[in-house]
């Protein structure tokens, strides 16, 4: 029996939740910022910029790659990582739509009841 009800939500809701999940760790946010600054970086070098071990960085890179935020090209024993700008634009559009459509026009009735 599967208790995971995620598949019962629409694709946009699942995408927003997955984006939030992958961005929920400061190490992954730091990796994205580092790649934005450096444009491209080799796997082993990333741990030199962060207070993390190589295996920990590798796990975070795996999570980011699975989400499609980063992509890598193999060069011998190293992988060169860079951001996937198209995926980041897609995520930005999804978040903008979510916040602009769902939240920005929301007015809480609680404010009126507290006066």
N, C-alpha and C. Protein backbone atom coordinates (compact mmCIF):
# COMPACT_ATOMS: atom_id res chain seq x y z
N UNK A 1 0.83 -1.18 0.00
CA UNK A 1 0.00 0.00 0.00
C UNK A 1 0.88 1.25 0.00
N UNK A 2 0.63 2.13 -0.92
CA UNK A 2 1.41 3.35 -1.07
C UNK A 2 0.70 4.51 -0.39
N UNK A 3 1.34 5.09 0.62
CA UNK A 3 0.76 6.22 1.34
C UNK A 3 1.17 7.56 0.75
N UNK A 4 1.98 7.52 -0.30
CA UNK A 4 2.42 8.76 -0.94
C UNK A 4 1.30 9.25 -1.85
N UNK A 5 0.73 10.37 -1.50
CA UNK A 5 -0.41 10.91 -2.24
C UNK A 5 0.02 11.98 -3.24
N UNK A 6 1.32 12.17 -3.45
CA UNK A 6 1.81 13.22 -4.34
C UNK A 6 1.22 13.13 -5.73
N UNK A 7 1.04 11.91 -6.22
CA UNK A 7 0.53 11.75 -7.58
C UNK A 7 -0.92 12.23 -7.73
N UNK A 8 -1.59 12.48 -6.62
CA UNK A 8 -2.96 12.96 -6.67
C UNK A 8 -3.06 14.47 -6.87
N UNK A 9 -1.92 15.15 -6.87
CA UNK A 9 -1.88 16.59 -7.09
C UNK A 9 -1.47 16.87 -8.53
N UNK A 10 -1.83 18.04 -9.04
CA UNK A 10 -1.54 18.32 -10.44
C UNK A 10 -0.04 18.55 -10.66
N UNK A 11 0.34 18.54 -11.91
CA UNK A 11 1.76 18.61 -12.29
C UNK A 11 2.42 19.88 -11.77
N UNK A 12 1.72 21.00 -11.82
CA UNK A 12 2.31 22.26 -11.34
C UNK A 12 2.55 22.20 -9.83
N UNK A 13 1.62 21.68 -9.08
CA UNK A 13 1.79 21.56 -7.63
C UNK A 13 2.96 20.63 -7.30
N UNK A 14 3.07 19.54 -8.04
CA UNK A 14 4.19 18.62 -7.82
C UNK A 14 5.52 19.28 -8.16
N UNK A 15 5.54 20.06 -9.25
CA UNK A 15 6.78 20.74 -9.66
C UNK A 15 7.20 21.76 -8.62
N UNK A 16 6.26 22.55 -8.12
CA UNK A 16 6.58 23.54 -7.09
C UNK A 16 7.13 22.84 -5.85
N UNK A 17 6.49 21.77 -5.43
CA UNK A 17 6.95 21.03 -4.25
C UNK A 17 8.34 20.45 -4.47
N UNK A 18 8.60 19.90 -5.65
CA UNK A 18 9.92 19.33 -5.95
C UNK A 18 10.99 20.41 -6.00
N UNK A 19 10.67 21.57 -6.56
CA UNK A 19 11.62 22.68 -6.58
C UNK A 19 11.95 23.11 -5.17
N UNK A 20 10.93 23.24 -4.34
CA UNK A 20 11.15 23.64 -2.95
C UNK A 20 11.98 22.61 -2.21
N UNK A 21 11.71 21.35 -2.49
CA UNK A 21 12.45 20.28 -1.82
C UNK A 21 13.94 20.35 -2.16
N UNK A 22 14.25 20.51 -3.43
CA UNK A 22 15.66 20.53 -3.83
C UNK A 22 16.36 21.82 -3.36
N UNK A 23 15.60 22.90 -3.20
CA UNK A 23 16.18 24.15 -2.72
C UNK A 23 16.16 24.25 -1.20
N UNK A 24 15.66 23.23 -0.53
CA UNK A 24 15.47 23.31 0.92
C UNK A 24 16.75 23.13 1.73
N UNK A 25 17.84 22.79 1.08
CA UNK A 25 19.10 22.63 1.82
C UNK A 25 20.06 23.76 1.43
N UNK A 26 20.63 24.43 2.42
CA UNK A 26 21.53 25.55 2.10
C UNK A 26 22.74 25.15 1.26
N UNK A 27 23.18 23.91 1.36
CA UNK A 27 24.32 23.47 0.55
C UNK A 27 23.97 23.49 -0.93
N UNK A 28 22.75 23.06 -1.27
CA UNK A 28 22.34 23.07 -2.67
C UNK A 28 22.16 24.49 -3.18
N UNK A 29 21.65 25.36 -2.33
CA UNK A 29 21.54 26.78 -2.70
C UNK A 29 22.94 27.34 -2.94
N UNK A 30 23.89 27.02 -2.06
CA UNK A 30 25.27 27.49 -2.21
C UNK A 30 25.90 26.96 -3.49
N UNK A 31 25.63 25.72 -3.83
CA UNK A 31 26.18 25.14 -5.07
C UNK A 31 25.63 25.88 -6.28
N UNK A 32 24.34 26.17 -6.28
CA UNK A 32 23.74 26.92 -7.38
C UNK A 32 24.38 28.30 -7.49
N UNK A 33 24.55 28.96 -6.37
CA UNK A 33 25.18 30.29 -6.38
C UNK A 33 26.63 30.21 -6.86
N UNK A 34 27.34 29.19 -6.43
CA UNK A 34 28.73 29.01 -6.85
C UNK A 34 28.81 28.78 -8.36
N UNK A 35 27.94 27.94 -8.89
CA UNK A 35 27.93 27.68 -10.33
C UNK A 35 27.51 28.92 -11.12
N UNK A 36 26.62 29.72 -10.56
CA UNK A 36 26.23 30.96 -11.23
C UNK A 36 27.41 31.92 -11.31
N UNK A 37 28.22 31.93 -10.26
CA UNK A 37 29.39 32.81 -10.23
C UNK A 37 30.52 32.30 -11.12
N UNK A 38 30.82 31.01 -11.04
CA UNK A 38 31.97 30.43 -11.74
C UNK A 38 31.65 29.98 -13.17
N UNK A 39 30.38 29.85 -13.50
CA UNK A 39 29.89 29.39 -14.81
C UNK A 39 30.06 27.90 -15.01
N UNK A 40 31.18 27.34 -14.62
CA UNK A 40 31.43 25.90 -14.73
C UNK A 40 32.48 25.55 -13.70
N UNK A 41 32.33 24.36 -13.12
CA UNK A 41 33.31 23.93 -12.12
C UNK A 41 33.40 22.41 -12.11
N UNK A 42 34.58 21.91 -11.84
CA UNK A 42 34.78 20.46 -11.79
C UNK A 42 34.30 19.92 -10.45
N UNK A 43 33.85 18.69 -10.47
CA UNK A 43 33.28 18.03 -9.28
C UNK A 43 34.14 18.21 -8.04
N UNK A 44 35.37 17.81 -8.10
CA UNK A 44 36.25 17.86 -6.93
C UNK A 44 36.50 19.25 -6.42
N UNK A 45 36.44 20.24 -7.29
CA UNK A 45 36.73 21.60 -6.88
C UNK A 45 35.60 22.24 -6.07
N UNK A 46 34.39 21.76 -6.22
CA UNK A 46 33.26 22.36 -5.52
C UNK A 46 33.44 22.30 -4.02
N UNK A 47 33.96 21.18 -3.51
CA UNK A 47 34.14 21.04 -2.06
C UNK A 47 35.19 22.00 -1.52
N UNK A 48 36.05 22.54 -2.37
CA UNK A 48 37.03 23.53 -1.93
C UNK A 48 36.38 24.86 -1.56
N UNK A 49 35.20 25.12 -2.10
CA UNK A 49 34.51 26.38 -1.87
C UNK A 49 33.44 26.29 -0.77
N UNK A 50 33.14 25.08 -0.32
CA UNK A 50 32.07 24.87 0.64
C UNK A 50 32.59 24.10 1.84
N UNK A 51 31.96 24.26 2.99
CA UNK A 51 32.39 23.52 4.19
C UNK A 51 31.82 22.10 4.22
N UNK A 52 32.00 21.39 3.10
CA UNK A 52 31.45 20.05 2.96
C UNK A 52 32.49 19.11 2.38
N UNK A 53 32.36 17.84 2.74
CA UNK A 53 33.25 16.82 2.18
C UNK A 53 32.84 16.52 0.74
N UNK A 54 33.73 15.91 0.00
CA UNK A 54 33.42 15.54 -1.39
C UNK A 54 32.22 14.61 -1.50
N UNK A 55 32.12 13.57 -0.65
CA UNK A 55 30.94 12.71 -0.76
C UNK A 55 29.63 13.46 -0.51
N UNK A 56 29.66 14.39 0.42
CA UNK A 56 28.45 15.18 0.70
C UNK A 56 28.11 16.06 -0.49
N UNK A 57 29.11 16.70 -1.06
CA UNK A 57 28.90 17.52 -2.26
C UNK A 57 28.34 16.66 -3.39
N UNK A 58 28.88 15.47 -3.55
CA UNK A 58 28.41 14.57 -4.61
C UNK A 58 26.94 14.25 -4.46
N UNK A 59 26.49 14.02 -3.22
CA UNK A 59 25.07 13.73 -3.00
C UNK A 59 24.20 14.93 -3.36
N UNK A 60 24.64 16.12 -2.98
CA UNK A 60 23.88 17.33 -3.32
C UNK A 60 23.88 17.57 -4.83
N UNK A 61 24.99 17.30 -5.48
CA UNK A 61 25.04 17.42 -6.94
C UNK A 61 24.08 16.44 -7.60
N UNK A 62 24.01 15.25 -7.06
CA UNK A 62 23.08 14.24 -7.58
C UNK A 62 21.64 14.74 -7.48
N UNK A 63 21.28 15.31 -6.35
CA UNK A 63 19.92 15.84 -6.16
C UNK A 63 19.63 16.97 -7.15
N UNK A 64 20.59 17.87 -7.32
CA UNK A 64 20.41 18.98 -8.26
C UNK A 64 20.32 18.49 -9.70
N UNK A 65 21.12 17.48 -10.02
CA UNK A 65 21.10 16.94 -11.38
C UNK A 65 19.79 16.21 -11.66
N UNK A 66 19.30 15.46 -10.69
CA UNK A 66 18.02 14.76 -10.86
C UNK A 66 16.88 15.74 -11.10
N UNK A 67 16.94 16.92 -10.49
CA UNK A 67 15.92 17.94 -10.68
C UNK A 67 16.12 18.66 -12.01
N UNK A 68 17.31 18.53 -12.59
CA UNK A 68 17.58 19.16 -13.87
C UNK A 68 18.16 20.55 -13.76
N UNK A 69 18.49 20.98 -12.54
CA UNK A 69 19.01 22.32 -12.32
C UNK A 69 20.44 22.45 -12.82
N UNK A 70 21.19 21.37 -12.71
CA UNK A 70 22.56 21.38 -13.21
C UNK A 70 22.72 20.27 -14.24
N UNK A 71 23.75 20.42 -15.05
CA UNK A 71 24.12 19.37 -16.00
C UNK A 71 25.62 19.22 -15.95
N UNK A 72 26.08 18.05 -16.34
CA UNK A 72 27.50 17.79 -16.27
C UNK A 72 28.02 17.11 -17.52
N UNK A 73 29.26 17.41 -17.84
CA UNK A 73 29.93 16.74 -18.94
C UNK A 73 31.16 16.04 -18.39
N UNK A 74 31.39 14.82 -18.85
CA UNK A 74 32.49 14.01 -18.34
C UNK A 74 33.77 14.36 -19.08
N UNK A 75 34.82 14.56 -18.28
CA UNK A 75 36.15 14.85 -18.80
C UNK A 75 37.13 13.97 -18.04
N UNK A 76 37.38 12.78 -18.58
CA UNK A 76 38.24 11.83 -17.88
C UNK A 76 37.57 11.35 -16.61
N UNK A 77 38.23 11.56 -15.47
CA UNK A 77 37.67 11.15 -14.19
C UNK A 77 36.85 12.25 -13.54
N UNK A 78 36.84 13.41 -14.11
CA UNK A 78 36.12 14.55 -13.54
C UNK A 78 34.85 14.84 -14.33
N UNK A 79 33.91 15.46 -13.66
CA UNK A 79 32.70 15.93 -14.32
C UNK A 79 32.67 17.44 -14.17
N UNK A 80 32.47 18.13 -15.27
CA UNK A 80 32.33 19.58 -15.26
C UNK A 80 30.85 19.90 -15.15
N UNK A 81 30.48 20.64 -14.10
CA UNK A 81 29.09 20.99 -13.87
C UNK A 81 28.82 22.44 -14.22
N UNK A 82 27.62 22.68 -14.71
CA UNK A 82 27.15 24.04 -14.95
C UNK A 82 25.64 24.05 -14.74
N UNK A 83 25.09 25.24 -14.62
CA UNK A 83 23.65 25.38 -14.44
C UNK A 83 22.92 25.15 -15.75
N UNK A 84 21.73 24.63 -15.67
CA UNK A 84 20.87 24.51 -16.84
C UNK A 84 19.94 25.73 -16.82
N UNK A 85 20.29 26.72 -17.61
CA UNK A 85 19.55 27.99 -17.61
C UNK A 85 18.09 27.81 -17.99
N UNK A 86 17.80 26.89 -18.88
CA UNK A 86 16.41 26.67 -19.30
C UNK A 86 15.58 26.14 -18.12
N UNK A 87 16.15 25.23 -17.36
CA UNK A 87 15.44 24.69 -16.20
C UNK A 87 15.23 25.77 -15.15
N UNK A 88 16.24 26.60 -14.93
CA UNK A 88 16.11 27.68 -13.96
C UNK A 88 15.06 28.69 -14.39
N UNK A 89 14.99 28.99 -15.68
CA UNK A 89 13.94 29.89 -16.18
C UNK A 89 12.57 29.28 -15.98
N UNK A 90 12.46 27.98 -16.22
CA UNK A 90 11.19 27.27 -16.03
C UNK A 90 10.77 27.35 -14.56
N UNK A 91 11.72 27.12 -13.65
CA UNK A 91 11.42 27.19 -12.23
C UNK A 91 11.00 28.60 -11.83
N UNK A 92 11.70 29.58 -12.35
CA UNK A 92 11.36 30.98 -12.04
C UNK A 92 9.94 31.30 -12.50
N UNK A 93 9.59 30.87 -13.70
CA UNK A 93 8.24 31.10 -14.22
C UNK A 93 7.18 30.42 -13.36
N UNK A 94 7.47 29.21 -12.94
CA UNK A 94 6.53 28.47 -12.10
C UNK A 94 6.32 29.19 -10.77
N UNK A 95 7.43 29.63 -10.16
CA UNK A 95 7.31 30.35 -8.89
C UNK A 95 6.61 31.70 -9.08
N UNK A 96 6.94 32.41 -10.15
CA UNK A 96 6.27 33.69 -10.41
C UNK A 96 4.77 33.51 -10.58
N UNK A 97 4.38 32.50 -11.34
CA UNK A 97 2.97 32.22 -11.53
C UNK A 97 2.30 31.87 -10.21
N UNK A 98 2.97 31.07 -9.42
CA UNK A 98 2.43 30.66 -8.13
C UNK A 98 2.24 31.87 -7.21
N UNK A 99 3.29 32.68 -7.06
CA UNK A 99 3.21 33.81 -6.14
C UNK A 99 2.32 34.92 -6.68
N UNK A 100 2.42 35.20 -7.97
CA UNK A 100 1.60 36.27 -8.55
C UNK A 100 0.12 35.89 -8.56
N UNK A 101 -0.17 34.66 -8.93
CA UNK A 101 -1.57 34.25 -9.06
C UNK A 101 -2.21 33.80 -7.76
N UNK A 102 -1.46 33.13 -6.92
CA UNK A 102 -2.05 32.53 -5.73
C UNK A 102 -1.95 33.39 -4.49
N UNK A 103 -0.89 34.14 -4.39
CA UNK A 103 -0.61 34.77 -3.11
C UNK A 103 -0.67 36.30 -3.15
N UNK A 104 -0.20 36.92 -4.22
CA UNK A 104 -0.07 38.38 -4.20
C UNK A 104 -1.39 39.10 -4.05
N UNK A 105 -2.48 38.53 -4.54
CA UNK A 105 -3.78 39.19 -4.44
C UNK A 105 -4.58 38.73 -3.22
N UNK A 106 -4.00 37.87 -2.42
CA UNK A 106 -4.69 37.33 -1.26
C UNK A 106 -4.77 38.36 -0.14
N UNK A 107 -5.95 38.53 0.41
CA UNK A 107 -6.14 39.40 1.56
C UNK A 107 -6.77 38.55 2.65
N UNK A 108 -6.13 38.53 3.77
CA UNK A 108 -6.59 37.70 4.88
C UNK A 108 -7.74 38.40 5.62
N UNK A 109 -8.80 37.68 5.89
CA UNK A 109 -9.91 38.21 6.66
C UNK A 109 -9.55 38.35 8.14
N UNK A 110 -8.51 37.71 8.57
CA UNK A 110 -8.09 37.78 9.97
C UNK A 110 -7.75 39.21 10.35
N UNK A 111 -7.17 39.98 9.42
CA UNK A 111 -6.81 41.37 9.71
C UNK A 111 -8.02 42.19 10.08
N UNK A 112 -9.14 41.95 9.41
CA UNK A 112 -10.36 42.71 9.67
C UNK A 112 -10.97 42.30 11.01
N UNK A 113 -10.84 41.04 11.38
CA UNK A 113 -11.42 40.54 12.61
C UNK A 113 -10.66 40.96 13.86
N UNK A 114 -9.40 41.35 13.70
CA UNK A 114 -8.58 41.74 14.84
C UNK A 114 -8.70 43.22 15.19
N UNK A 115 -9.44 43.97 14.44
CA UNK A 115 -9.57 45.41 14.71
C UNK A 115 -10.71 45.72 15.62
